[in-house]
Amino acid sequence: MSETLFTKIIRKEIPAKIVFENETVLAFRDIEPKAPTHTLIIPKKPIVNVSHATAEDKAVLGELLLAAATIAKQEGVAEGFRLVINNGASVGQSVFHLHVHLLAGRPFSWPPG
C-alpha cells in the first residue's frame, strides 16, 4: 500500500482534530463533514479497504467498530448514528486506507446513495 494522507495523520505529520486514539485505531473529525457529527475511524495498520483485509486483520476490524461505539458515546450520539465504509473508487472511496465514517446529528434516509 502506498502512503496516504491518513498515514501522515497517524504519524502526526498533518494536523487533525483527534477524538480517539489507542494502539490500533485513530479517529478524527472529517474536514468536509456531511453531518453535524462526522468522524473518520482508521486502523493504524495500513489496509487499503475491506476487500484487502485478511484473517490476520480480524482483531483490527473489531477494534474499528468498538472505537465507533466509544466515540458515539463520548459525542452524545450513541442512540442514533450511521457507520459507512466505502470499498473502492466506484462507490466513493477517495483515500485508499480503510476508514469508517461515523455520521450523526441529522436524519438519514434509507436506502443511502
PDB file of N, CA and C in Angstrom:
ATOM      1  N   MET A   1       0.848  -1.179   0.000  1.00  0.00           N
ATOM      2  CA  MET A   1       0.000   0.000   0.000  1.00  0.00           C
ATOM      3  C   MET A   1       0.889   1.237   0.000  1.00  0.00           C
ATOM      4  N   SER A   2       0.580   2.199  -0.847  1.00  0.00           N
ATOM      5  CA  SER A   2       1.353   3.436  -0.880  1.00  0.00           C
ATOM      6  C   SER A   2       0.923   4.342   0.274  1.00  0.00           C
ATOM      7  N   GLU A   3       1.784   5.294   0.561  1.00  0.00           N
ATOM      8  CA  GLU A   3       1.485   6.233   1.642  1.00  0.00           C
ATOM      9  C   GLU A   3       0.288   7.093   1.276  1.00  0.00           C
ATOM     10  N   THR A   4      -0.560   7.364   2.280  1.00  0.00           N
ATOM     11  CA  THR A   4      -1.746   8.186   2.072  1.00  0.00           C
ATOM     12  C   THR A   4      -1.756   9.354   3.053  1.00  0.00           C
ATOM     13  N   LEU A   5      -2.704  10.227   2.859  1.00  0.00           N
ATOM     14  CA  LEU A   5      -2.949  11.321   3.783  1.00  0.00           C
ATOM     15  C   LEU A   5      -3.143  10.786   5.204  1.00  0.00           C
ATOM     16  N   PHE A   6      -3.854   9.662   5.329  1.00  0.00           N
ATOM     17  CA  PHE A   6      -4.121   9.090   6.656  1.00  0.00           C
ATOM     18  C   PHE A   6      -2.840   8.587   7.317  1.00  0.00           C
ATOM     19  N   THR A   7      -1.909   8.065   6.529  1.00  0.00           N
ATOM     20  CA  THR A   7      -0.628   7.628   7.084  1.00  0.00           C
ATOM     21  C   THR A   7       0.081   8.812   7.733  1.00  0.00           C
ATOM     22  N   LYS A   8       0.025   9.953   7.066  1.00  0.00           N
ATOM     23  CA  LYS A   8       0.667  11.152   7.602  1.00  0.00           C
ATOM     24  C   LYS A   8      -0.052  11.651   8.852  1.00  0.00           C
ATOM     25  N   ILE A   9      -1.369  11.498   8.908  1.00  0.00           N
ATOM     26  CA  ILE A   9      -2.121  11.881  10.110  1.00  0.00           C
ATOM     27  C   ILE A   9      -1.743  10.952  11.260  1.00  0.00           C
ATOM     28  N   ILE A  10      -1.624   9.662  10.998  1.00  0.00           N
ATOM     29  CA  ILE A  10      -1.217   8.708  12.040  1.00  0.00           C
ATOM     30  C   ILE A  10       0.140   9.102  12.612  1.00  0.00           C
ATOM     31  N   ARG A  11       1.072   9.507  11.752  1.00  0.00           N
ATOM     32  CA  ARG A  11       2.416   9.894  12.196  1.00  0.00           C
ATOM     33  C   ARG A  11       2.463  11.320  12.748  1.00  0.00           C
ATOM     34  N   LYS A  12       1.297  12.010  12.754  1.00  0.00           N
ATOM     35  CA  LYS A  12       1.177  13.385  13.271  1.00  0.00           C
ATOM     36  C   LYS A  12       1.975  14.375  12.428  1.00  0.00           C
ATOM     37  N   GLU A  13       2.163  14.072  11.154  1.00  0.00           N
ATOM     38  CA  GLU A  13       2.825  14.992  10.231  1.00  0.00           C
ATOM     39  C   GLU A  13       1.832  16.004   9.663  1.00  0.00           C
ATOM     40  N   ILE A  14       0.557  15.639   9.679  1.00  0.00           N
ATOM     41  CA  ILE A  14      -0.517  16.522   9.253  1.00  0.00           C
ATOM     42  C   ILE A  14      -1.458  16.668  10.447  1.00  0.00           C
ATOM     43  N   PRO A  15      -1.836  17.898  10.785  1.00  0.00           N
ATOM     44  CA  PRO A  15      -2.722  18.061  11.939  1.00  0.00           C
ATOM     45  C   PRO A  15      -4.130  17.532  11.667  1.00  0.00           C
ATOM     46  N   ALA A  16      -4.745  17.039  12.703  1.00  0.00           N
ATOM     47  CA  ALA A  16      -6.125  16.563  12.646  1.00  0.00           C
ATOM     48  C   ALA A  16      -6.729  16.759  14.030  1.00  0.00           C
ATOM     49  N   LYS A  17      -8.047  16.927  14.061  1.00  0.00           N
ATOM     50  CA  LYS A  17      -8.756  17.048  15.340  1.00  0.00           C
ATOM     51  C   LYS A  17      -9.074  15.641  15.826  1.00  0.00           C
ATOM     52  N   ILE A  18      -8.149  15.077  16.568  1.00  0.00           N
ATOM     53  CA  ILE A  18      -8.248  13.699  17.040  1.00  0.00           C
ATOM     54  C   ILE A  18      -9.266  13.621  18.173  1.00  0.00           C
ATOM     55  N   VAL A  19     -10.181  12.648  18.068  1.00  0.00           N
ATOM     56  CA  VAL A  19     -11.198  12.453  19.100  1.00  0.00           C
ATOM     57  C   VAL A  19     -11.011  11.135  19.845  1.00  0.00           C
ATOM     58  N   PHE A  20     -10.178  10.243  19.295  1.00  0.00           N
ATOM     59  CA  PHE A  20      -9.957   8.946  19.939  1.00  0.00           C
ATOM     60  C   PHE A  20      -8.663   8.363  19.394  1.00  0.00           C
ATOM     61  N   GLU A  21      -7.900   7.723  20.278  1.00  0.00           N
ATOM     62  CA  GLU A  21      -6.697   7.022  19.830  1.00  0.00           C
ATOM     63  C   GLU A  21      -6.350   5.934  20.823  1.00  0.00           C
ATOM     64  N   ASN A  22      -5.985   4.787  20.291  1.00  0.00           N
ATOM     65  CA  ASN A  22      -5.385   3.726  21.103  1.00  0.00           C
ATOM     66  C   ASN A  22      -4.245   3.123  20.277  1.00  0.00           C
ATOM     67  N   GLU A  23      -3.744   1.968  20.658  1.00  0.00           N
ATOM     68  CA  GLU A  23      -2.603   1.368  19.966  1.00  0.00           C
ATOM     69  C   GLU A  23      -2.935   0.971  18.527  1.00  0.00           C
ATOM     70  N   THR A  24      -4.195   0.705  18.252  1.00  0.00           N
ATOM     71  CA  THR A  24      -4.625   0.117  16.992  1.00  0.00           C
ATOM     72  C   THR A  24      -5.362   1.082  16.076  1.00  0.00           C
ATOM     73  N   VAL A  25      -6.071   2.045  16.662  1.00  0.00           N
ATOM     74  CA  VAL A  25      -7.038   2.871  15.935  1.00  0.00           C
ATOM     75  C   VAL A  25      -6.806   4.351  16.224  1.00  0.00           C
ATOM     76  N   LEU A  26      -7.079   5.178  15.211  1.00  0.00           N
ATOM     77  CA  LEU A  26      -7.064   6.629  15.368  1.00  0.00           C
ATOM     78  C   LEU A  26      -8.362   7.162  14.773  1.00  0.00           C
ATOM     79  N   ALA A  27      -8.987   8.121  15.440  1.00  0.00           N
ATOM     80  CA  ALA A  27     -10.226   8.711  14.935  1.00  0.00           C
ATOM     81  C   ALA A  27     -10.116  10.228  15.020  1.00  0.00           C
ATOM     82  N   PHE A  28     -10.620  10.878  13.969  1.00  0.00           N
ATOM     83  CA  PHE A  28     -10.522  12.327  13.882  1.00  0.00           C
ATOM     84  C   PHE A  28     -11.710  12.885  13.109  1.00  0.00           C
ATOM     85  N   ARG A  29     -11.963  14.170  13.284  1.00  0.00           N
ATOM     86  CA  ARG A  29     -13.087  14.823  12.619  1.00  0.00           C
ATOM     87  C   ARG A  29     -12.812  14.950  11.122  1.00  0.00           C
ATOM     88  N   ASP A  30     -13.831  14.697  10.317  1.00  0.00           N
ATOM     89  CA  ASP A  30     -13.722  14.856   8.872  1.00  0.00           C
ATOM     90  C   ASP A  30     -13.620  16.350   8.548  1.00  0.00           C
ATOM     91  N   ILE A  31     -12.740  16.705   7.624  1.00  0.00           N
ATOM     92  CA  ILE A  31     -12.561  18.125   7.293  1.00  0.00           C
ATOM     93  C   ILE A  31     -13.671  18.651   6.378  1.00  0.00           C
ATOM     94  N   GLU A  32     -14.452  17.747   5.786  1.00  0.00           N
ATOM     95  CA  GLU A  32     -15.621  18.134   4.986  1.00  0.00           C
ATOM     96  C   GLU A  32     -16.840  17.361   5.500  1.00  0.00           C
ATOM     97  N   PRO A  33     -17.325  17.709   6.692  1.00  0.00           N
ATOM     98  CA  PRO A  33     -18.377  16.912   7.328  1.00  0.00           C
ATOM     99  C   PRO A  33     -19.673  16.887   6.526  1.00  0.00           C
ATOM    100  N   LYS A  34     -20.300  15.705   6.514  1.00  0.00           N
ATOM    101  CA  LYS A  34     -21.591  15.503   5.851  1.00  0.00           C
ATOM    102  C   LYS A  34     -22.730  15.431   6.858  1.00  0.00           C
ATOM    103  N   ALA A  35     -22.407  15.620   8.120  1.00  0.00           N
ATOM    104  CA  ALA A  35     -23.389  15.620   9.206  1.00  0.00           C
ATOM    105  C   ALA A  35     -22.780  16.409  10.370  1.00  0.00           C
ATOM    106  N   PRO A  36     -23.597  16.862  11.322  1.00  0.00           N
ATOM    107  CA  PRO A  36     -23.053  17.595  12.475  1.00  0.00           C
ATOM    108  C   PRO A  36     -21.939  16.825  13.200  1.00  0.00           C
ATOM    109  N   THR A  37     -22.087  15.517  13.307  1.00  0.00           N
ATOM    110  CA  THR A  37     -21.012  14.672  13.814  1.00  0.00           C
ATOM    111  C   THR A  37     -20.534  13.828  12.647  1.00  0.00           C
ATOM    112  N   HIS A  38     -19.280  14.004  12.256  1.00  0.00           N
ATOM    113  CA  HIS A  38     -18.700  13.211  11.168  1.00  0.00           C
ATOM    114  C   HIS A  38     -17.247  12.939  11.523  1.00  0.00           C
ATOM    115  N   THR A  39     -17.010  11.723  11.957  1.00  0.00           N
ATOM    116  CA  THR A  39     -15.695  11.294  12.409  1.00  0.00           C
ATOM    117  C   THR A  39     -15.203  10.169  11.511  1.00  0.00           C
ATOM    118  N   LEU A  40     -13.913  10.179  11.204  1.00  0.00           N
ATOM    119  CA  LEU A  40     -13.290   9.091  10.463  1.00  0.00           C
ATOM    120  C   LEU A  40     -12.507   8.234  11.445  1.00  0.00           C
ATOM    121  N   ILE A  41     -12.710   6.943  11.368  1.00  0.00           N
ATOM    122  CA  ILE A  41     -12.048   5.992  12.260  1.00  0.00           C
ATOM    123  C   ILE A  41     -11.181   5.100  11.381  1.00  0.00           C
ATOM    124  N   ILE A  42      -9.882   5.094  11.653  1.00  0.00           N
ATOM    125  CA  ILE A  42      -8.950   4.367  10.791  1.00  0.00           C
ATOM    126  C   ILE A  42      -8.072   3.415  11.601  1.00  0.00           C
ATOM    127  N   PRO A  43      -7.694   2.302  10.988  1.00  0.00           N
ATOM    128  CA  PRO A  43      -6.704   1.455  11.650  1.00  0.00           C
ATOM    129  C   PRO A  43      -5.325   2.077  11.462  1.00  0.00           C
ATOM    130  N   LYS A  44      -4.465   1.944  12.430  1.00  0.00           N
ATOM    131  CA  LYS A  44      -3.096   2.426  12.267  1.00  0.00           C
ATOM    132  C   LYS A  44      -2.328   1.532  11.303  1.00  0.00           C
ATOM    133  N   LYS A  45      -2.735   0.271  11.225  1.00  0.00           N
ATOM    134  CA  LYS A  45      -2.146  -0.635  10.238  1.00  0.00           C
ATOM    135  C   LYS A  45      -2.692  -0.242   8.866  1.00  0.00           C
ATOM    136  N   PRO A  46      -1.828  -0.094   7.873  1.00  0.00           N
ATOM    137  CA  PRO A  46      -2.324   0.264   6.549  1.00  0.00           C
ATOM    138  C   PRO A  46      -3.042  -0.903   5.870  1.00  0.00           C
ATOM    139  N   ILE A  47      -4.343  -0.741   5.678  1.00  0.00           N
ATOM    140  CA  ILE A  47      -5.178  -1.696   4.947  1.00  0.00           C
ATOM    141  C   ILE A  47      -5.915  -0.856   3.910  1.00  0.00           C
ATOM    142  N   VAL A  48      -5.852  -1.228   2.646  1.00  0.00           N
ATOM    143  CA  VAL A  48      -6.441  -0.426   1.580  1.00  0.00           C
ATOM    144  C   VAL A  48      -7.944  -0.273   1.768  1.00  0.00           C
ATOM    145  N   ASN A  49      -8.642  -1.372   1.962  1.00  0.00           N
ATOM    146  CA  ASN A  49     -10.095  -1.365   2.170  1.00  0.00           C
ATOM    147  C   ASN A  49     -10.514  -2.743   2.669  1.00  0.00           C
ATOM    148  N   VAL A  50     -11.784  -2.948   2.851  1.00  0.00           N
ATOM    149  CA  VAL A  50     -12.271  -4.217   3.394  1.00  0.00           C
ATOM    150  C   VAL A  50     -11.850  -5.390   2.505  1.00  0.00           C
ATOM    151  N   SER A  51     -11.881  -5.198   1.202  1.00  0.00           N
ATOM    152  CA  SER A  51     -11.504  -6.279   0.281  1.00  0.00           C
ATOM    153  C   SER A  51     -10.053  -6.714   0.437  1.00  0.00           C
ATOM    154  N   HIS A  52      -9.220  -5.836   0.973  1.00  0.00           N
ATOM    155  CA  HIS A  52      -7.812  -6.166   1.171  1.00  0.00           C
ATOM    156  C   HIS A  52      -7.514  -6.682   2.581  1.00  0.00           C
ATOM    157  N   ALA A  53      -8.494  -6.716   3.436  1.00  0.00           N
ATOM    158  CA  ALA A  53      -8.297  -7.228   4.796  1.00  0.00           C
ATOM    159  C   ALA A  53      -8.146  -8.747   4.738  1.00  0.00           C
ATOM    160  N   THR A  54      -7.394  -9.277   5.673  1.00  0.00           N
ATOM    161  CA  THR A  54      -7.176 -10.720   5.748  1.00  0.00           C
ATOM    162  C   THR A  54      -7.632 -11.231   7.116  1.00  0.00           C
ATOM    163  N   ALA A  55      -7.559 -12.524   7.280  1.00  0.00           N
ATOM    164  CA  ALA A  55      -7.917 -13.122   8.570  1.00  0.00           C
ATOM    165  C   ALA A  55      -7.049 -12.550   9.695  1.00  0.00           C
ATOM    166  N   GLU A  56      -5.832 -12.160   9.379  1.00  0.00           N
ATOM    167  CA  GLU A  56      -4.944 -11.552  10.374  1.00  0.00           C
ATOM    168  C   GLU A  56      -5.462 -10.197  10.867  1.00  0.00           C
ATOM    169  N   ASP A  57      -6.351  -9.583  10.098  1.00  0.00           N
ATOM    170  CA  ASP A  57      -6.881  -8.273  10.442  1.00  0.00           C
ATOM    171  C   ASP A  57      -8.172  -8.332  11.267  1.00  0.00           C
ATOM    172  N   LYS A  58      -8.596  -9.530  11.624  1.00  0.00           N
ATOM    173  CA  LYS A  58      -9.867  -9.697  12.337  1.00  0.00           C
ATOM    174  C   LYS A  58      -9.943  -8.818  13.590  1.00  0.00           C
ATOM    175  N   ALA A  59      -8.913  -8.802  14.389  1.00  0.00           N
ATOM    176  CA  ALA A  59      -8.926  -8.002  15.622  1.00  0.00           C
ATOM    177  C   ALA A  59      -8.976  -6.509  15.306  1.00  0.00           C
ATOM    178  N   VAL A  60      -8.240  -6.077  14.303  1.00  0.00           N
ATOM    179  CA  VAL A  60      -8.233  -4.664  13.914  1.00  0.00           C
ATOM    180  C   VAL A  60      -9.629  -4.239  13.449  1.00  0.00           C
ATOM    181  N   LEU A  61     -10.269  -5.081  12.660  1.00  0.00           N
ATOM    182  CA  LEU A  61     -11.616  -4.760  12.177  1.00  0.00           C
ATOM    183  C   LEU A  61     -12.592  -4.633  13.342  1.00  0.00           C
ATOM    184  N   GLY A  62     -12.473  -5.502  14.310  1.00  0.00           N
ATOM    185  CA  GLY A  62     -13.314  -5.403  15.508  1.00  0.00           C
ATOM    186  C   GLY A  62     -13.024  -4.136  16.290  1.00  0.00           C
ATOM    187  N   GLU A  63     -11.767  -3.759  16.385  1.00  0.00           N
ATOM    188  CA  GLU A  63     -11.386  -2.529  17.094  1.00  0.00           C
ATOM    189  C   GLU A  63     -12.021  -1.295  16.465  1.00  0.00           C
ATOM    190  N   LEU A  64     -12.157  -1.295  15.134  1.00  0.00           N
ATOM    191  CA  LEU A  64     -12.786  -0.154  14.458  1.00  0.00           C
ATOM    192  C   LEU A  64     -14.225   0.027  14.938  1.00  0.00           C
ATOM    193  N   LEU A  65     -14.975  -1.082  15.038  1.00  0.00           N
ATOM    194  CA  LEU A  65     -16.373  -0.987  15.473  1.00  0.00           C
ATOM    195  C   LEU A  65     -16.483  -0.654  16.955  1.00  0.00           C
ATOM    196  N   LEU A  66     -15.613  -1.208  17.762  1.00  0.00           N
ATOM    197  CA  LEU A  66     -15.632  -0.870  19.187  1.00  0.00           C
ATOM    198  C   LEU A  66     -15.275   0.598  19.400  1.00  0.00           C
ATOM    199  N   ALA A  67     -14.327   1.107  18.616  1.00  0.00           N
ATOM    200  CA  ALA A  67     -13.978   2.524  18.700  1.00  0.00           C
ATOM    201  C   ALA A  67     -15.173   3.382  18.304  1.00  0.00           C
ATOM    202  N   ALA A  68     -15.915   2.966  17.276  1.00  0.00           N
ATOM    203  CA  ALA A  68     -17.100   3.710  16.846  1.00  0.00           C
ATOM    204  C   ALA A  68     -18.101   3.830  17.986  1.00  0.00           C
ATOM    205  N   ALA A  69     -18.339   2.741  18.695  1.00  0.00           N
ATOM    206  CA  ALA A  69     -19.275   2.773  19.821  1.00  0.00           C
ATOM    207  C   ALA A  69     -18.781   3.706  20.922  1.00  0.00           C
ATOM    208  N   THR A  70     -17.509   3.661  21.216  1.00  0.00           N
ATOM    209  CA  THR A  70     -16.930   4.531  22.247  1.00  0.00           C
ATOM    210  C   THR A  70     -17.053   5.998  21.843  1.00  0.00           C
ATOM    211  N   ILE A  71     -16.733   6.296  20.598  1.00  0.00           N
ATOM    212  CA  ILE A  71     -16.800   7.681  20.106  1.00  0.00           C
ATOM    213  C   ILE A  71     -18.241   8.171  20.112  1.00  0.00           C
ATOM    214  N   ALA A  72     -19.174   7.336  19.678  1.00  0.00           N
ATOM    215  CA  ALA A  72     -20.589   7.725  19.681  1.00  0.00           C
ATOM    216  C   ALA A  72     -21.041   8.087  21.095  1.00  0.00           C
ATOM    217  N   LYS A  73     -20.609   7.316  22.086  1.00  0.00           N
ATOM    218  CA  LYS A  73     -20.959   7.618  23.478  1.00  0.00           C
ATOM    219  C   LYS A  73     -20.356   8.949  23.906  1.00  0.00           C
ATOM    220  N   GLN A  74     -19.079   9.158  23.624  1.00  0.00           N
ATOM    221  CA  GLN A  74     -18.432  10.394  24.077  1.00  0.00           C
ATOM    222  C   GLN A  74     -18.964  11.614  23.333  1.00  0.00           C
ATOM    223  N   GLU A  75     -19.489  11.430  22.134  1.00  0.00           N
ATOM    224  CA  GLU A  75     -20.061  12.539  21.364  1.00  0.00           C
ATOM    225  C   GLU A  75     -21.548  12.752  21.678  1.00  0.00           C
ATOM    226  N   GLY A  76     -22.127  11.872  22.483  1.00  0.00           N
ATOM    227  CA  GLY A  76     -23.524  12.001  22.859  1.00  0.00           C
ATOM    228  C   GLY A  76     -24.501  11.592  21.779  1.00  0.00           C
ATOM    229  N   VAL A  77     -24.075  10.704  20.873  1.00  0.00           N
ATOM    230  CA  VAL A  77     -24.936  10.276  19.764  1.00  0.00           C
ATOM    231  C   VAL A  77     -25.142   8.762  19.741  1.00  0.00           C
ATOM    232  N   ALA A  78     -24.892   8.105  20.849  1.00  0.00           N
ATOM    233  CA  ALA A  78     -24.938   6.640  20.890  1.00  0.00           C
ATOM    234  C   ALA A  78     -26.314   6.071  20.565  1.00  0.00           C
ATOM    235  N   GLU A  79     -27.367   6.864  20.706  1.00  0.00           N
ATOM    236  CA  GLU A  79     -28.715   6.361  20.427  1.00  0.00           C
ATOM    237  C   GLU A  79     -29.069   6.379  18.946  1.00  0.00           C
ATOM    238  N   GLY A  80     -28.233   7.011  18.126  1.00  0.00           N
ATOM    239  CA  GLY A  80     -28.546   7.057  16.706  1.00  0.00           C
ATOM    240  C   GLY A  80     -27.391   7.581  15.875  1.00  0.00           C
ATOM    241  N   PHE A  81     -26.719   6.683  15.170  1.00  0.00           N
ATOM    242  CA  PHE A  81     -25.624   7.080  14.291  1.00  0.00           C
ATOM    243  C   PHE A  81     -25.531   6.077  13.147  1.00  0.00           C
ATOM    244  N   ARG A  82     -24.837   6.482  12.101  1.00  0.00           N
ATOM    245  CA  ARG A  82     -24.639   5.611  10.932  1.00  0.00           C
ATOM    246  C   ARG A  82     -23.152   5.403  10.741  1.00  0.00           C
ATOM    247  N   LEU A  83     -22.785   4.163  10.418  1.00  0.00           N
ATOM    248  CA  LEU A  83     -21.411   3.834  10.056  1.00  0.00           C
ATOM    249  C   LEU A  83     -21.389   3.511   8.572  1.00  0.00           C
ATOM    250  N   VAL A  84     -20.419   4.081   7.868  1.00  0.00           N
ATOM    251  CA  VAL A  84     -20.285   3.861   6.422  1.00  0.00           C
ATOM    252  C   VAL A  84     -18.848   3.482   6.117  1.00  0.00           C
ATOM    253  N   ILE A  85     -18.682   2.440   5.307  1.00  0.00           N
ATOM    254  CA  ILE A  85     -17.371   2.058   4.793  1.00  0.00           C
ATOM    255  C   ILE A  85     -17.504   1.960   3.276  1.00  0.00           C
ATOM    256  N   ASN A  86     -16.793   2.818   2.569  1.00  0.00           N
ATOM    257  CA  ASN A  86     -16.759   2.744   1.113  1.00  0.00           C
ATOM    258  C   ASN A  86     -15.613   1.816   0.718  1.00  0.00           C
ATOM    259  N   ASN A  87     -15.873   0.927  -0.222  1.00  0.00           N
ATOM    260  CA  ASN A  87     -14.881  -0.061  -0.638  1.00  0.00           C
ATOM    261  C   ASN A  87     -14.663   0.068  -2.146  1.00  0.00           C
ATOM    262  N   GLY A  88     -13.740   0.933  -2.532  1.00  0.00           N
ATOM    263  CA  GLY A  88     -13.418   1.118  -3.937  1.00  0.00           C
ATOM    264  C   GLY A  88     -13.849   2.475  -4.465  1.00  0.00           C
ATOM    265  N   ALA A  89     -13.149   2.932  -5.489  1.00  0.00           N
ATOM    266  CA  ALA A  89     -13.405   4.248  -6.078  1.00  0.00           C
ATOM    267  C   ALA A  89     -14.819   4.364  -6.637  1.00  0.00           C
ATOM    268  N   SER A  90     -15.362   3.283  -7.167  1.00  0.00           N
ATOM    269  CA  SER A  90     -16.681   3.348  -7.802  1.00  0.00           C
ATOM    270  C   SER A  90     -17.809   3.657  -6.819  1.00  0.00           C
ATOM    271  N   VAL A  91     -17.565   3.487  -5.527  1.00  0.00           N
ATOM    272  CA  VAL A  91     -18.592   3.796  -4.515  1.00  0.00           C
ATOM    273  C   VAL A  91     -18.180   4.957  -3.607  1.00  0.00           C
ATOM    274  N   GLY A  92     -17.144   5.674  -3.993  1.00  0.00           N
ATOM    275  CA  GLY A  92     -16.795   6.891  -3.277  1.00  0.00           C
ATOM    276  C   GLY A  92     -15.550   6.856  -2.422  1.00  0.00           C
ATOM    277  N   GLN A  93     -14.828   5.750  -2.383  1.00  0.00           N
ATOM    278  CA  GLN A  93     -13.594   5.737  -1.605  1.00  0.00           C
ATOM    279  C   GLN A  93     -12.569   6.614  -2.314  1.00  0.00           C
ATOM    280  N   SER A  94     -12.082   7.637  -1.620  1.00  0.00           N
ATOM    281  CA  SER A  94     -11.115   8.552  -2.231  1.00  0.00           C
ATOM    282  C   SER A  94      -9.745   8.477  -1.562  1.00  0.00           C
ATOM    283  N   VAL A  95      -9.688   7.981  -0.339  1.00  0.00           N
ATOM    284  CA  VAL A  95      -8.410   7.733   0.332  1.00  0.00           C
ATOM    285  C   VAL A  95      -8.324   6.227   0.509  1.00  0.00           C
ATOM    286  N   PHE A  96      -7.290   5.634  -0.058  1.00  0.00           N
ATOM    287  CA  PHE A  96      -7.194   4.178  -0.072  1.00  0.00           C
ATOM    288  C   PHE A  96      -6.426   3.660   1.144  1.00  0.00           C
ATOM    289  N   HIS A  97      -7.035   3.953   2.274  1.00  0.00           N
ATOM    290  CA  HIS A  97      -6.660   3.457   3.595  1.00  0.00           C
ATOM    291  C   HIS A  97      -8.011   3.227   4.261  1.00  0.00           C
ATOM    292  N   LEU A  98      -8.301   1.998   4.640  1.00  0.00           N
ATOM    293  CA  LEU A  98      -9.595   1.655   5.222  1.00  0.00           C
ATOM    294  C   LEU A  98     -10.013   2.695   6.258  1.00  0.00           C
ATOM    295  N   HIS A  99     -11.256   3.140   6.171  1.00  0.00           N
ATOM    296  CA  HIS A  99     -11.778   4.073   7.161  1.00  0.00           C
ATOM    297  C   HIS A  99     -13.287   3.918   7.282  1.00  0.00           C
ATOM    298  N   VAL A 100     -13.747   4.136   8.505  1.00  0.00           N
ATOM    299  CA  VAL A 100     -15.166   4.070   8.831  1.00  0.00           C
ATOM    300  C   VAL A 100     -15.635   5.494   9.096  1.00  0.00           C
ATOM    301  N   HIS A 101     -16.699   5.898   8.418  1.00  0.00           N
ATOM    302  CA  HIS A 101     -17.327   7.189   8.688  1.00  0.00           C
ATOM    303  C   HIS A 101     -18.370   6.979   9.781  1.00  0.00           C
ATOM    304  N   LEU A 102     -18.285   7.750  10.850  1.00  0.00           N
ATOM    305  CA  LEU A 102     -19.333   7.779  11.862  1.00  0.00           C
ATOM    306  C   LEU A 102     -20.080   9.083  11.645  1.00  0.00           C
ATOM    307  N   LEU A 103     -21.362   8.965  11.293  1.00  0.00           N
ATOM    308  CA  LEU A 103     -22.203  10.126  10.991  1.00  0.00           C
ATOM    309  C   LEU A 103     -23.386  10.166  11.939  1.00  0.00           C
ATOM    310  N   ALA A 104     -23.704  11.361  12.435  1.00  0.00           N
ATOM    311  CA  ALA A 104     -24.846  11.510  13.348  1.00  0.00           C
ATOM    312  C   ALA A 104     -25.227  12.977  13.427  1.00  0.00           C
ATOM    313  N   GLY A 105     -26.377  13.207  14.053  1.00  0.00           N
ATOM    314  CA  GLY A 105     -26.803  14.564  14.328  1.00  0.00           C
ATOM    315  C   GLY A 105     -27.806  15.140  13.345  1.00  0.00           C
ATOM    316  N   ARG A 106     -28.265  14.317  12.412  1.00  0.00           N
ATOM    317  CA  ARG A 106     -29.313  14.735  11.475  1.00  0.00           C
ATOM    318  C   ARG A 106     -30.018  13.478  10.990  1.00  0.00           C
ATOM    319  N   PRO A 107     -31.221  13.612  10.452  1.00  0.00           N
ATOM    320  CA  PRO A 107     -31.927  12.433   9.911  1.00  0.00           C
ATOM    321  C   PRO A 107     -31.222  11.903   8.662  1.00  0.00           C
ATOM    322  N   PHE A 108     -31.256  10.603   8.481  1.00  0.00           N
ATOM    323  CA  PHE A 108     -30.698   9.956   7.300  1.00  0.00           C
ATOM    324  C   PHE A 108     -31.813   9.166   6.623  1.00  0.00           C
ATOM    325  N   SER A 109     -31.767   9.093   5.316  1.00  0.00           N
ATOM    326  CA  SER A 109     -32.783   8.321   4.604  1.00  0.00           C
ATOM    327  C   SER A 109     -32.249   6.927   4.289  1.00  0.00           C
ATOM    328  N   TRP A 110     -33.182   6.054   3.881  1.00  0.00           N
ATOM    329  CA  TRP A 110     -32.822   4.693   3.500  1.00  0.00           C
ATOM    330  C   TRP A 110     -33.552   4.346   2.222  1.00  0.00           C
ATOM    331  N   PRO A 111     -32.954   3.775   1.250  1.00  0.00           N
ATOM    332  CA  PRO A 111     -31.552   3.375   1.222  1.00  0.00           C
ATOM    333  C   PRO A 111     -30.636   4.572   0.963  1.00  0.00           C
ATOM    334  N   PRO A 112     -29.378   4.475   1.422  1.00  0.00           N
ATOM    335  CA  PRO A 112     -28.430   5.560   1.170  1.00  0.00           C
ATOM    336  C   PRO A 112     -28.012   5.566  -0.291  1.00  0.00           C
ATOM    337  N   GLY A 113     -27.442   6.671  -0.707  1.00  0.00           N
ATOM    338  CA  GLY A 113     -26.848   6.743  -2.046  1.00  0.00           C
ATOM    339  C   GLY A 113     -27.726   7.227  -3.121  1.00  0.00           C
TER     340      GLY A 113
END
